[in-house]
Amino acid sequence: RAPGGFCALNVRDVAVEATGTGALGVMGNKGACCIRLKAFDSTLCFVSSHLAAHRDHVAQRNSDFKAICDRTEFKQLSVVTGPLDDVQAAPAARILDHDVVFWLGDLNYRIRSDVDVEEVFRRCDAQDYAFLRARDQLNLERKAGRSFAGFQEGELAFPVTYKYQQNTSILERRPEKKLRAPAWCDRVLWRTKRLGVRLEAYGSAPDLLPSDHKPVA
């Protein structure tokens, strides 16, 4: 029995899958790792993904999301149909079949490409997150129903998560480096069919320094 009285025996049908979306659909470092489980009578799925990079590749990110949803299939599940020893195979489950889906990772959506890079830096320096949120590609694609339809997210009221000088919390804008427009690349979203999800906090971890990204929680 875990802290809080949650009994581990109530977790079952755990399954793990990985789906690549790189070259030929399998190569490269893009794709998702997924785990699903059943807790009591509810099904949950957790997806950690790395989608296509670069500011102008919005359509590819949308395509990656769709490919992960379409191609990820959890098999060899079980269902109890009567007495506890009466266990039969259950149909395979896809990501969006679950009662709750949590989707996180480097989703790589950027600030809309018609906003000048220097303007993005100026808005970051001024902490003008309202301006940036209104031009965030993921917000716009969700609103248009082209990607992550039905998913929810907390408000982006914290600094952008990319791109930083490694081992610092300083945005990367050194003249000898390739200039990238800062963005909230790293996100956590959720989608629920019948269970309530209460968001208690949403933010980044600026003190974690090794990467040029800042993780979110």
N, C-alpha and C. Protein backbone atom coordinates (compact mmCIF):
# COMPACT_ATOMS: atom_id res chain seq x y z
N ARG A 1 0.85 -1.19 0.00
CA ARG A 1 0.00 0.00 0.00
C ARG A 1 0.89 1.24 0.00
N ALA A 2 0.65 2.11 -0.96
CA ALA A 2 1.47 3.30 -1.11
C ALA A 2 0.99 4.41 -0.17
N PRO A 3 1.81 5.48 0.02
CA PRO A 3 1.37 6.62 0.84
C PRO A 3 0.02 7.15 0.36
N GLY A 4 -0.84 7.49 1.30
CA GLY A 4 -2.16 7.99 0.93
C GLY A 4 -3.18 6.89 0.80
N GLY A 5 -2.76 5.63 0.99
CA GLY A 5 -3.71 4.53 0.97
C GLY A 5 -3.95 3.94 -0.40
N PHE A 6 -3.24 4.41 -1.45
CA PHE A 6 -3.45 3.86 -2.80
C PHE A 6 -2.83 2.48 -2.88
N CYS A 7 -3.59 1.51 -3.24
CA CYS A 7 -3.13 0.12 -3.26
C CYS A 7 -2.57 -0.23 -4.64
N ALA A 8 -1.32 -0.69 -4.66
CA ALA A 8 -0.68 -1.00 -5.94
C ALA A 8 -1.43 -2.08 -6.70
N LEU A 9 -2.18 -2.94 -6.01
CA LEU A 9 -2.92 -4.00 -6.69
C LEU A 9 -4.02 -3.44 -7.58
N ASN A 10 -4.37 -2.16 -7.40
CA ASN A 10 -5.39 -1.55 -8.23
C ASN A 10 -4.82 -1.02 -9.55
N VAL A 11 -3.54 -1.14 -9.75
CA VAL A 11 -2.91 -0.75 -11.01
C VAL A 11 -2.63 -2.01 -11.81
N ARG A 12 -3.12 -2.07 -13.01
CA ARG A 12 -2.95 -3.27 -13.84
C ARG A 12 -2.95 -2.87 -15.31
N ASP A 13 -2.80 -3.87 -16.14
CA ASP A 13 -2.76 -3.66 -17.60
C ASP A 13 -1.76 -2.58 -17.99
N VAL A 14 -0.58 -2.65 -17.42
CA VAL A 14 0.48 -1.70 -17.76
C VAL A 14 1.11 -2.14 -19.09
N ALA A 15 1.24 -1.21 -20.01
CA ALA A 15 1.85 -1.52 -21.31
C ALA A 15 2.65 -0.32 -21.78
N VAL A 16 3.73 -0.60 -22.50
CA VAL A 16 4.64 0.44 -22.98
C VAL A 16 4.81 0.29 -24.48
N GLU A 17 4.83 1.43 -25.19
CA GLU A 17 5.07 1.41 -26.63
C GLU A 17 5.94 2.61 -27.01
N ALA A 18 6.67 2.49 -28.09
CA ALA A 18 7.45 3.59 -28.65
C ALA A 18 7.12 3.73 -30.12
N THR A 19 7.01 4.98 -30.58
CA THR A 19 6.66 5.25 -31.97
C THR A 19 7.62 6.29 -32.53
N GLY A 20 8.32 5.95 -33.61
CA GLY A 20 9.24 6.89 -34.24
C GLY A 20 8.55 7.67 -35.35
N THR A 21 8.98 8.92 -35.51
CA THR A 21 8.40 9.74 -36.59
C THR A 21 9.49 10.38 -37.43
N GLY A 22 10.73 9.90 -37.33
CA GLY A 22 11.82 10.47 -38.11
C GLY A 22 11.80 9.97 -39.54
N ALA A 23 12.96 9.95 -40.18
CA ALA A 23 13.06 9.49 -41.57
C ALA A 23 12.50 8.08 -41.70
N LEU A 24 11.66 7.88 -42.68
CA LEU A 24 10.99 6.61 -42.94
C LEU A 24 10.09 6.19 -41.78
N GLY A 25 9.79 7.13 -40.89
CA GLY A 25 8.92 6.84 -39.77
C GLY A 25 9.56 6.08 -38.63
N VAL A 26 10.86 5.83 -38.73
CA VAL A 26 11.51 5.04 -37.68
C VAL A 26 12.85 5.62 -37.24
N MET A 27 13.51 6.39 -38.08
CA MET A 27 14.87 6.82 -37.79
C MET A 27 14.88 8.21 -37.16
N GLY A 28 16.01 8.56 -36.56
CA GLY A 28 16.15 9.88 -35.98
C GLY A 28 15.72 9.91 -34.53
N ASN A 29 15.69 11.11 -33.96
CA ASN A 29 15.39 11.25 -32.54
C ASN A 29 14.01 11.83 -32.29
N LYS A 30 13.11 11.73 -33.26
CA LYS A 30 11.76 12.26 -33.10
C LYS A 30 10.77 11.11 -32.94
N GLY A 31 9.78 11.34 -32.10
CA GLY A 31 8.78 10.31 -31.85
C GLY A 31 8.30 10.38 -30.43
N ALA A 32 7.81 9.27 -29.90
CA ALA A 32 7.22 9.27 -28.56
C ALA A 32 7.43 7.95 -27.86
N CYS A 33 7.56 8.02 -26.55
CA CYS A 33 7.49 6.85 -25.67
C CYS A 33 6.22 6.97 -24.85
N CYS A 34 5.46 5.89 -24.77
CA CYS A 34 4.14 5.94 -24.15
C CYS A 34 3.98 4.81 -23.14
N ILE A 35 3.29 5.11 -22.06
CA ILE A 35 2.93 4.08 -21.09
C ILE A 35 1.47 4.25 -20.73
N ARG A 36 0.76 3.15 -20.64
CA ARG A 36 -0.65 3.19 -20.25
C ARG A 36 -0.88 2.23 -19.10
N LEU A 37 -1.93 2.48 -18.36
CA LEU A 37 -2.27 1.61 -17.24
C LEU A 37 -3.74 1.78 -16.91
N LYS A 38 -4.22 0.85 -16.12
CA LYS A 38 -5.58 0.96 -15.60
C LYS A 38 -5.47 1.08 -14.09
N ALA A 39 -6.06 2.13 -13.54
CA ALA A 39 -6.09 2.36 -12.09
C ALA A 39 -7.54 2.31 -11.65
N PHE A 40 -7.86 1.32 -10.80
CA PHE A 40 -9.25 1.05 -10.47
C PHE A 40 -10.01 0.81 -11.77
N ASP A 41 -11.02 1.61 -12.10
CA ASP A 41 -11.76 1.37 -13.34
C ASP A 41 -11.48 2.44 -14.38
N SER A 42 -10.38 3.18 -14.22
CA SER A 42 -10.05 4.26 -15.15
C SER A 42 -8.75 3.94 -15.89
N THR A 43 -8.70 4.35 -17.14
CA THR A 43 -7.49 4.13 -17.94
C THR A 43 -6.75 5.44 -18.13
N LEU A 44 -5.43 5.39 -17.99
CA LEU A 44 -4.58 6.56 -18.13
C LEU A 44 -3.45 6.26 -19.10
N CYS A 45 -3.08 7.27 -19.87
CA CYS A 45 -1.98 7.13 -20.82
C CYS A 45 -1.06 8.34 -20.68
N PHE A 46 0.24 8.09 -20.64
CA PHE A 46 1.25 9.14 -20.52
C PHE A 46 2.13 9.08 -21.77
N VAL A 47 2.27 10.20 -22.45
CA VAL A 47 3.04 10.26 -23.69
C VAL A 47 4.15 11.28 -23.52
N SER A 48 5.38 10.87 -23.75
CA SER A 48 6.52 11.79 -23.76
C SER A 48 7.06 11.82 -25.18
N SER A 49 7.02 13.00 -25.81
CA SER A 49 7.33 13.06 -27.24
C SER A 49 8.35 14.15 -27.56
N HIS A 50 8.99 13.98 -28.68
CA HIS A 50 9.91 14.96 -29.26
C HIS A 50 9.47 15.14 -30.71
N LEU A 51 8.90 16.30 -31.01
CA LEU A 51 8.34 16.54 -32.34
C LEU A 51 9.32 17.32 -33.22
N ALA A 52 8.95 17.48 -34.49
CA ALA A 52 9.84 18.11 -35.47
C ALA A 52 10.28 19.50 -35.04
N ALA A 53 11.53 19.83 -35.30
CA ALA A 53 12.11 21.10 -34.90
C ALA A 53 11.95 22.16 -36.00
N HIS A 54 12.43 23.35 -35.69
CA HIS A 54 12.52 24.51 -36.57
C HIS A 54 11.18 25.27 -36.65
N ARG A 55 11.34 26.56 -36.73
CA ARG A 55 10.21 27.47 -36.58
C ARG A 55 9.15 27.31 -37.66
N ASP A 56 9.57 27.01 -38.87
CA ASP A 56 8.63 26.96 -39.99
C ASP A 56 8.05 25.56 -40.23
N HIS A 57 8.31 24.61 -39.34
CA HIS A 57 7.84 23.24 -39.55
C HIS A 57 6.60 22.93 -38.73
N VAL A 58 5.66 23.85 -38.69
CA VAL A 58 4.43 23.63 -37.92
C VAL A 58 3.66 22.43 -38.45
N ALA A 59 3.52 22.35 -39.77
CA ALA A 59 2.75 21.25 -40.36
C ALA A 59 3.39 19.91 -40.03
N GLN A 60 4.72 19.85 -39.99
CA GLN A 60 5.39 18.59 -39.66
C GLN A 60 5.15 18.20 -38.21
N ARG A 61 5.13 19.18 -37.32
CA ARG A 61 4.81 18.87 -35.92
C ARG A 61 3.39 18.33 -35.80
N ASN A 62 2.47 18.97 -36.51
CA ASN A 62 1.09 18.48 -36.51
C ASN A 62 1.03 17.05 -37.04
N SER A 63 1.81 16.80 -38.09
CA SER A 63 1.83 15.46 -38.68
C SER A 63 2.44 14.44 -37.72
N ASP A 64 3.47 14.85 -36.99
CA ASP A 64 4.07 13.95 -36.00
C ASP A 64 3.05 13.58 -34.93
N PHE A 65 2.30 14.58 -34.44
CA PHE A 65 1.28 14.32 -33.44
C PHE A 65 0.26 13.31 -33.96
N LYS A 66 -0.20 13.51 -35.18
CA LYS A 66 -1.19 12.61 -35.75
C LYS A 66 -0.61 11.20 -35.94
N ALA A 67 0.63 11.12 -36.40
CA ALA A 67 1.25 9.81 -36.62
C ALA A 67 1.40 9.05 -35.31
N ILE A 68 1.77 9.75 -34.24
CA ILE A 68 1.91 9.09 -32.94
C ILE A 68 0.55 8.56 -32.48
N CYS A 69 -0.49 9.38 -32.64
CA CYS A 69 -1.83 8.93 -32.25
C CYS A 69 -2.30 7.75 -33.09
N ASP A 70 -2.05 7.80 -34.40
CA ASP A 70 -2.55 6.77 -35.31
C ASP A 70 -1.79 5.45 -35.18
N ARG A 71 -0.50 5.53 -34.92
CA ARG A 71 0.35 4.34 -35.01
C ARG A 71 0.65 3.68 -33.68
N THR A 72 0.43 4.38 -32.58
CA THR A 72 0.71 3.79 -31.28
C THR A 72 -0.46 2.90 -30.87
N GLU A 73 -0.18 1.66 -30.62
CA GLU A 73 -1.22 0.70 -30.28
C GLU A 73 -0.73 -0.19 -29.14
N PHE A 74 -1.48 -0.20 -28.05
CA PHE A 74 -1.16 -1.04 -26.90
C PHE A 74 -1.90 -2.37 -27.04
N LYS A 75 -1.15 -3.44 -27.11
CA LYS A 75 -1.73 -4.77 -27.31
C LYS A 75 -1.56 -5.60 -26.04
N GLN A 76 -2.04 -6.82 -26.09
CA GLN A 76 -1.90 -7.80 -25.01
C GLN A 76 -2.45 -7.26 -23.69
N LEU A 77 -3.59 -6.56 -23.77
CA LEU A 77 -4.27 -6.12 -22.57
C LEU A 77 -5.24 -7.21 -22.14
N SER A 78 -5.77 -7.10 -20.93
CA SER A 78 -6.69 -8.10 -20.43
C SER A 78 -7.94 -7.45 -19.89
N VAL A 79 -8.99 -8.19 -19.81
CA VAL A 79 -10.23 -7.69 -19.23
C VAL A 79 -10.85 -8.81 -18.39
N VAL A 80 -11.30 -8.47 -17.19
CA VAL A 80 -11.97 -9.44 -16.32
C VAL A 80 -13.46 -9.42 -16.65
N THR A 81 -13.97 -10.54 -17.08
CA THR A 81 -15.36 -10.60 -17.53
C THR A 81 -16.29 -11.22 -16.49
N GLY A 82 -15.75 -11.76 -15.44
CA GLY A 82 -16.58 -12.40 -14.42
C GLY A 82 -15.76 -12.62 -13.18
N PRO A 83 -15.64 -13.86 -12.72
CA PRO A 83 -14.76 -14.15 -11.60
C PRO A 83 -13.32 -13.73 -11.92
N LEU A 84 -12.52 -13.52 -10.88
CA LEU A 84 -11.18 -12.99 -11.07
C LEU A 84 -10.31 -13.88 -11.94
N ASP A 85 -10.66 -15.17 -12.04
CA ASP A 85 -9.84 -16.04 -12.87
C ASP A 85 -10.37 -16.11 -14.31
N ASP A 86 -11.42 -15.34 -14.60
CA ASP A 86 -12.00 -15.33 -15.95
C ASP A 86 -11.46 -14.11 -16.69
N VAL A 87 -10.23 -14.22 -17.19
CA VAL A 87 -9.55 -13.12 -17.85
C VAL A 87 -9.44 -13.41 -19.34
N GLN A 88 -9.85 -12.46 -20.14
CA GLN A 88 -9.80 -12.62 -21.59
C GLN A 88 -8.99 -11.48 -22.19
N ALA A 89 -8.54 -11.70 -23.40
CA ALA A 89 -7.81 -10.65 -24.10
C ALA A 89 -8.74 -9.50 -24.44
N ALA A 90 -8.24 -8.29 -24.28
CA ALA A 90 -9.02 -7.10 -24.60
C ALA A 90 -8.55 -6.54 -25.95
N PRO A 91 -9.40 -5.79 -26.62
CA PRO A 91 -8.97 -5.17 -27.87
C PRO A 91 -7.79 -4.23 -27.64
N ALA A 92 -6.97 -4.08 -28.63
CA ALA A 92 -5.85 -3.14 -28.51
C ALA A 92 -6.38 -1.73 -28.27
N ALA A 93 -5.61 -0.94 -27.54
CA ALA A 93 -6.02 0.43 -27.22
C ALA A 93 -5.07 1.42 -27.87
N ARG A 94 -5.64 2.52 -28.33
CA ARG A 94 -4.83 3.61 -28.85
C ARG A 94 -4.79 4.74 -27.82
N ILE A 95 -3.92 5.71 -28.07
CA ILE A 95 -3.69 6.77 -27.08
C ILE A 95 -4.99 7.47 -26.70
N LEU A 96 -5.76 7.90 -27.69
CA LEU A 96 -6.93 8.72 -27.41
C LEU A 96 -8.13 7.91 -26.93
N ASP A 97 -7.97 6.58 -26.81
CA ASP A 97 -9.04 5.76 -26.25
C ASP A 97 -9.11 5.87 -24.73
N HIS A 98 -8.07 6.39 -24.10
CA HIS A 98 -7.98 6.37 -22.64
C HIS A 98 -8.82 7.46 -21.99
N ASP A 99 -9.19 7.22 -20.73
CA ASP A 99 -9.99 8.20 -20.01
C ASP A 99 -9.23 9.51 -19.82
N VAL A 100 -7.95 9.41 -19.53
CA VAL A 100 -7.12 10.61 -19.39
C VAL A 100 -5.81 10.37 -20.11
N VAL A 101 -5.38 11.37 -20.88
CA VAL A 101 -4.08 11.33 -21.54
C VAL A 101 -3.27 12.54 -21.07
N PHE A 102 -2.06 12.29 -20.59
CA PHE A 102 -1.12 13.37 -20.29
C PHE A 102 -0.03 13.33 -21.36
N TRP A 103 0.18 14.48 -22.03
CA TRP A 103 1.14 14.53 -23.15
C TRP A 103 2.16 15.61 -22.82
N LEU A 104 3.42 15.23 -22.82
CA LEU A 104 4.47 16.16 -22.40
C LEU A 104 5.72 15.97 -23.25
N GLY A 105 6.65 16.91 -23.12
CA GLY A 105 7.93 16.78 -23.79
C GLY A 105 8.30 18.01 -24.59
N ASP A 106 9.32 17.85 -25.42
CA ASP A 106 9.77 18.92 -26.32
C ASP A 106 8.89 18.87 -27.56
N LEU A 107 7.79 19.59 -27.51
CA LEU A 107 6.85 19.57 -28.63
C LEU A 107 7.31 20.48 -29.76
N ASN A 108 8.25 21.37 -29.47
CA ASN A 108 8.96 22.17 -30.47
C ASN A 108 8.11 23.22 -31.17
N TYR A 109 6.89 23.49 -30.70
CA TYR A 109 6.13 24.60 -31.27
C TYR A 109 6.77 25.91 -30.85
N ARG A 110 6.80 26.88 -31.75
CA ARG A 110 7.53 28.13 -31.54
C ARG A 110 6.57 29.32 -31.56
N ILE A 111 7.15 30.52 -31.52
CA ILE A 111 6.38 31.74 -31.75
C ILE A 111 6.21 31.91 -33.26
N ARG A 112 5.05 32.31 -33.67
CA ARG A 112 4.71 32.41 -35.10
C ARG A 112 5.84 33.09 -35.88
N SER A 113 6.16 32.55 -37.03
CA SER A 113 7.36 32.95 -37.76
C SER A 113 7.29 34.35 -38.36
N ASP A 114 6.10 34.98 -38.37
CA ASP A 114 6.05 36.34 -38.89
C ASP A 114 6.42 37.39 -37.84
N VAL A 115 6.76 36.94 -36.63
CA VAL A 115 7.26 37.84 -35.60
C VAL A 115 8.78 37.82 -35.66
N ASP A 116 9.38 38.98 -35.85
CA ASP A 116 10.83 39.09 -35.98
C ASP A 116 11.53 38.52 -34.75
N VAL A 117 12.68 37.87 -34.98
CA VAL A 117 13.42 37.25 -33.88
C VAL A 117 13.76 38.27 -32.80
N GLU A 118 14.23 39.42 -33.19
CA GLU A 118 14.58 40.44 -32.20
C GLU A 118 13.36 40.90 -31.43
N GLU A 119 12.20 40.94 -32.09
CA GLU A 119 10.98 41.30 -31.40
C GLU A 119 10.62 40.26 -30.34
N VAL A 120 10.85 39.00 -30.66
CA VAL A 120 10.60 37.94 -29.68
C VAL A 120 11.51 38.14 -28.47
N PHE A 121 12.79 38.44 -28.70
CA PHE A 121 13.70 38.70 -27.59
C PHE A 121 13.22 39.88 -26.75
N ARG A 122 12.79 40.94 -27.41
CA ARG A 122 12.32 42.12 -26.67
C ARG A 122 11.13 41.78 -25.79
N ARG A 123 10.19 40.99 -26.32
CA ARG A 123 9.02 40.62 -25.54
C ARG A 123 9.40 39.70 -24.38
N CYS A 124 10.39 38.84 -24.59
CA CYS A 124 10.85 37.98 -23.50
C CYS A 124 11.49 38.83 -22.40
N ASP A 125 12.32 39.78 -22.80
CA ASP A 125 12.98 40.64 -21.81
C ASP A 125 11.96 41.43 -21.00
N ALA A 126 10.87 41.83 -21.66
CA ALA A 126 9.82 42.61 -20.99
C ALA A 126 8.82 41.73 -20.26
N GLN A 127 8.99 40.42 -20.34
CA GLN A 127 8.05 39.46 -19.76
C GLN A 127 6.62 39.70 -20.27
N ASP A 128 6.55 40.04 -21.55
CA ASP A 128 5.24 40.28 -22.18
C ASP A 128 4.70 38.94 -22.68
N TYR A 129 4.30 38.11 -21.74
CA TYR A 129 3.87 36.76 -22.09
C TYR A 129 2.54 36.77 -22.82
N ALA A 130 1.70 37.77 -22.57
CA ALA A 130 0.41 37.83 -23.28
C ALA A 130 0.64 37.97 -24.78
N PHE A 131 1.56 38.83 -25.18
CA PHE A 131 1.89 38.99 -26.59
C PHE A 131 2.38 37.68 -27.19
N LEU A 132 3.28 37.01 -26.48
CA LEU A 132 3.86 35.76 -26.99
C LEU A 132 2.84 34.63 -27.01
N ARG A 133 2.00 34.53 -25.96
CA ARG A 133 0.96 33.47 -25.93
C ARG A 133 0.04 33.58 -27.14
N ALA A 134 -0.31 34.82 -27.51
CA ALA A 134 -1.24 35.03 -28.63
C ALA A 134 -0.63 34.61 -29.96
N ARG A 135 0.68 34.47 -29.99
CA ARG A 135 1.38 34.11 -31.23
C ARG A 135 2.10 32.77 -31.10
N ASP A 136 1.78 32.04 -30.07
CA ASP A 136 2.35 30.71 -29.86
C ASP A 136 1.72 29.71 -30.83
N GLN A 137 2.55 29.00 -31.56
CA GLN A 137 2.04 28.10 -32.60
C GLN A 137 1.14 27.01 -32.05
N LEU A 138 1.48 26.44 -30.91
CA LEU A 138 0.66 25.36 -30.36
C LEU A 138 -0.72 25.89 -29.97
N ASN A 139 -0.77 27.05 -29.33
CA ASN A 139 -2.08 27.65 -29.01
C ASN A 139 -2.91 27.85 -30.27
N LEU A 140 -2.26 28.35 -31.33
CA LEU A 140 -2.99 28.63 -32.57
C LEU A 140 -3.44 27.34 -33.26
N GLU A 141 -2.59 26.32 -33.27
CA GLU A 141 -2.95 25.06 -33.91
C GLU A 141 -4.05 24.34 -33.14
N ARG A 142 -4.01 24.40 -31.82
CA ARG A 142 -5.09 23.81 -31.01
C ARG A 142 -6.40 24.53 -31.28
N LYS A 143 -6.36 25.85 -31.29
CA LYS A 143 -7.58 26.63 -31.51
C LYS A 143 -8.20 26.33 -32.87
N ALA A 144 -7.34 26.11 -33.87
CA ALA A 144 -7.83 25.82 -35.22
C ALA A 144 -8.22 24.35 -35.39
N GLY A 145 -7.95 23.52 -34.38
CA GLY A 145 -8.29 22.10 -34.47
C GLY A 145 -7.36 21.29 -35.33
N ARG A 146 -6.17 21.82 -35.64
CA ARG A 146 -5.24 21.11 -36.51
C ARG A 146 -4.30 20.17 -35.74
N SER A 147 -4.19 20.36 -34.44
CA SER A 147 -3.32 19.51 -33.63
C SER A 147 -3.72 19.64 -32.17
N PHE A 148 -3.60 18.54 -31.42
CA PHE A 148 -3.92 18.52 -29.99
C PHE A 148 -5.34 19.01 -29.71
N ALA A 149 -6.25 18.70 -30.61
CA ALA A 149 -7.66 19.08 -30.39
C ALA A 149 -8.18 18.36 -29.16
N GLY A 150 -8.88 19.09 -28.30
CA GLY A 150 -9.44 18.52 -27.10
C GLY A 150 -8.50 18.50 -25.92
N PHE A 151 -7.24 18.87 -26.13
CA PHE A 151 -6.28 18.92 -25.03
C PHE A 151 -6.35 20.26 -24.32
N GLN A 152 -6.03 20.26 -23.06
CA GLN A 152 -5.98 21.47 -22.26
C GLN A 152 -4.57 21.70 -21.75
N GLU A 153 -4.30 22.96 -21.37
CA GLU A 153 -2.98 23.30 -20.86
C GLU A 153 -3.14 24.46 -19.88
N GLY A 154 -2.27 24.51 -18.89
CA GLY A 154 -2.24 25.66 -18.00
C GLY A 154 -1.74 26.89 -18.74
N GLU A 155 -1.94 28.05 -18.12
CA GLU A 155 -1.52 29.30 -18.76
C GLU A 155 0.01 29.39 -18.80
N LEU A 156 0.53 29.85 -19.91
CA LEU A 156 1.97 30.06 -20.05
C LEU A 156 2.32 31.40 -19.41
N ALA A 157 2.52 31.39 -18.11
CA ALA A 157 2.80 32.60 -17.34
C ALA A 157 4.22 32.55 -16.77
N PHE A 158 5.09 31.82 -17.43
CA PHE A 158 6.48 31.66 -17.00
C PHE A 158 7.39 31.88 -18.20
N PRO A 159 8.68 32.12 -17.98
CA PRO A 159 9.57 32.42 -19.11
C PRO A 159 9.61 31.30 -20.14
N VAL A 160 9.95 31.68 -21.36
CA VAL A 160 10.11 30.70 -22.43
C VAL A 160 11.13 29.64 -21.99
N THR A 161 11.03 28.47 -22.57
CA THR A 161 11.89 27.35 -22.14
C THR A 161 13.05 27.07 -23.08
N TYR A 162 13.16 27.84 -24.17
CA TYR A 162 14.20 27.60 -25.18
C TYR A 162 14.45 28.93 -25.90
N LYS A 163 15.65 29.31 -26.25
CA LYS A 163 16.90 28.56 -26.18
C LYS A 163 17.86 29.32 -25.26
N TYR A 164 18.51 28.58 -24.34
CA TYR A 164 19.39 29.17 -23.35
C TYR A 164 20.85 28.78 -23.60
N GLN A 165 21.76 29.65 -23.15
CA GLN A 165 23.15 29.25 -23.11
C GLN A 165 23.28 28.09 -22.13
N GLN A 166 23.93 27.04 -22.53
CA GLN A 166 24.05 25.88 -21.65
C GLN A 166 24.78 26.25 -20.36
N ASN A 167 24.31 25.65 -19.27
CA ASN A 167 24.84 25.89 -17.93
C ASN A 167 24.55 27.30 -17.42
N THR A 168 23.53 27.95 -18.00
CA THR A 168 23.11 29.27 -17.55
C THR A 168 21.58 29.36 -17.64
N SER A 169 21.05 30.48 -17.16
CA SER A 169 19.65 30.83 -17.40
C SER A 169 19.57 32.08 -18.27
N ILE A 170 20.52 32.22 -19.18
CA ILE A 170 20.62 33.37 -20.08
C ILE A 170 20.19 32.94 -21.47
N LEU A 171 19.25 33.65 -22.07
CA LEU A 171 18.83 33.32 -23.43
C LEU A 171 20.02 33.43 -24.38
N GLU A 172 20.10 32.49 -25.31
CA GLU A 172 21.22 32.42 -26.25
C GLU A 172 21.05 33.45 -27.36
N ARG A 173 21.87 34.50 -27.31
CA ARG A 173 21.85 35.50 -28.37
C ARG A 173 23.26 36.01 -28.67
N ARG A 174 24.24 35.18 -28.40
CA ARG A 174 25.62 35.58 -28.71
C ARG A 174 25.81 35.65 -30.21
N PRO A 175 26.51 36.65 -30.70
CA PRO A 175 26.61 36.87 -32.16
C PRO A 175 27.26 35.73 -32.91
N GLU A 176 28.14 34.96 -32.24
CA GLU A 176 28.80 33.86 -32.95
C GLU A 176 27.94 32.61 -33.02
N LYS A 177 26.80 32.61 -32.36
CA LYS A 177 25.90 31.47 -32.37
C LYS A 177 24.73 31.71 -33.33
N LYS A 178 24.15 30.62 -33.82
CA LYS A 178 22.97 30.74 -34.68
C LYS A 178 21.80 31.24 -33.85
N LEU A 179 21.17 32.31 -34.32
CA LEU A 179 20.12 32.97 -33.55
C LEU A 179 18.80 32.21 -33.72
N ARG A 180 18.22 31.79 -32.60
CA ARG A 180 16.93 31.10 -32.59
C ARG A 180 15.94 31.95 -31.81
N ALA A 181 14.76 32.12 -32.33
CA ALA A 181 13.73 32.85 -31.61
C ALA A 181 13.32 32.04 -30.38
N PRO A 182 13.37 32.63 -29.19
CA PRO A 182 12.94 31.89 -27.99
C PRO A 182 11.49 31.45 -28.10
N ALA A 183 11.15 30.39 -27.37
CA ALA A 183 9.79 29.85 -27.44
C ALA A 183 9.54 28.92 -26.27
N TRP A 184 8.25 28.63 -26.05
CA TRP A 184 7.86 27.59 -25.09
C TRP A 184 7.84 26.25 -25.82
N CYS A 185 8.98 25.67 -26.05
CA CYS A 185 9.05 24.39 -26.75
C CYS A 185 8.55 23.24 -25.88
N ASP A 186 8.71 23.38 -24.58
CA ASP A 186 8.51 22.26 -23.64
C ASP A 186 7.18 22.45 -22.92
N ARG A 187 6.30 21.45 -23.02
CA ARG A 187 4.92 21.64 -22.59
C ARG A 187 4.38 20.40 -21.89
N VAL A 188 3.30 20.60 -21.13
CA VAL A 188 2.52 19.51 -20.57
C VAL A 188 1.05 19.81 -20.84
N LEU A 189 0.36 18.89 -21.50
CA LEU A 189 -1.06 19.04 -21.79
C LEU A 189 -1.80 17.80 -21.32
N TRP A 190 -3.10 17.91 -21.22
CA TRP A 190 -3.90 16.74 -20.87
C TRP A 190 -5.23 16.76 -21.61
N ARG A 191 -5.78 15.58 -21.76
CA ARG A 191 -7.08 15.39 -22.42
C ARG A 191 -7.88 14.39 -21.59
N THR A 192 -9.09 14.71 -21.25
CA THR A 192 -9.89 13.82 -20.41
C THR A 192 -11.25 13.57 -21.04
N LYS A 193 -11.70 12.31 -20.93
CA LYS A 193 -13.00 11.94 -21.47
C LYS A 193 -14.08 11.93 -20.39
N ARG A 194 -13.71 11.53 -19.18
CA ARG A 194 -14.75 11.42 -18.16
C ARG A 194 -14.26 11.71 -16.74
N LEU A 195 -12.97 11.95 -16.57
CA LEU A 195 -12.43 12.24 -15.25
C LEU A 195 -12.02 13.70 -15.16
N GLY A 196 -12.12 14.27 -13.97
CA GLY A 196 -11.69 15.64 -13.77
C GLY A 196 -10.20 15.71 -13.51
N VAL A 197 -9.54 16.71 -14.06
CA VAL A 197 -8.13 16.96 -13.80
C VAL A 197 -8.03 18.37 -13.24
N ARG A 198 -7.42 18.50 -12.07
CA ARG A 198 -7.26 19.81 -11.46
C ARG A 198 -5.79 20.23 -11.54
N LEU A 199 -5.55 21.35 -12.20
CA LEU A 199 -4.19 21.87 -12.30
C LEU A 199 -3.86 22.67 -11.04
N GLU A 200 -2.80 22.27 -10.36
CA GLU A 200 -2.39 22.97 -9.14
C GLU A 200 -1.26 23.96 -9.39
N ALA A 201 -0.40 23.66 -10.35
CA ALA A 201 0.71 24.57 -10.67
C ALA A 201 1.26 24.20 -12.03
N TYR A 202 1.81 25.18 -12.73
CA TYR A 202 2.42 24.95 -14.04
C TYR A 202 3.56 25.95 -14.19
N GLY A 203 4.76 25.45 -14.39
CA GLY A 203 5.90 26.34 -14.51
C GLY A 203 7.13 25.61 -14.99
N SER A 204 8.22 26.38 -15.13
CA SER A 204 9.48 25.82 -15.60
C SER A 204 10.46 25.74 -14.44
N ALA A 205 11.61 25.14 -14.73
CA ALA A 205 12.65 24.96 -13.71
C ALA A 205 13.91 25.70 -14.19
N PRO A 206 13.98 27.01 -13.97
CA PRO A 206 15.10 27.80 -14.51
C PRO A 206 16.45 27.46 -13.91
N ASP A 207 16.48 26.82 -12.74
CA ASP A 207 17.75 26.51 -12.10
C ASP A 207 18.38 25.22 -12.60
N LEU A 208 17.68 24.48 -13.45
CA LEU A 208 18.28 23.29 -14.07
C LEU A 208 19.01 23.76 -15.33
N LEU A 209 20.35 23.58 -15.32
CA LEU A 209 21.19 24.32 -16.27
C LEU A 209 21.84 23.51 -17.41
N PRO A 210 21.99 22.20 -17.35
CA PRO A 210 22.84 21.55 -18.36
C PRO A 210 22.34 21.68 -19.80
N SER A 211 21.04 21.80 -20.00
CA SER A 211 20.49 21.81 -21.36
C SER A 211 20.25 23.24 -21.84
N ASP A 212 20.03 23.38 -23.15
CA ASP A 212 19.59 24.68 -23.68
C ASP A 212 18.08 24.84 -23.58
N HIS A 213 17.40 23.83 -23.02
CA HIS A 213 15.98 23.89 -22.70
C HIS A 213 15.81 23.99 -21.17
N LYS A 214 14.66 24.51 -20.75
CA LYS A 214 14.27 24.45 -19.35
C LYS A 214 13.05 23.51 -19.25
N PRO A 215 13.14 22.48 -18.42
CA PRO A 215 12.02 21.56 -18.30
C PRO A 215 10.83 22.22 -17.61
N VAL A 216 9.65 21.66 -17.84
CA VAL A 216 8.42 22.17 -17.22
C VAL A 216 7.80 21.08 -16.37
N ALA A 217 6.91 21.49 -15.45
CA ALA A 217 6.22 20.54 -14.59
C ALA A 217 4.84 21.11 -14.28
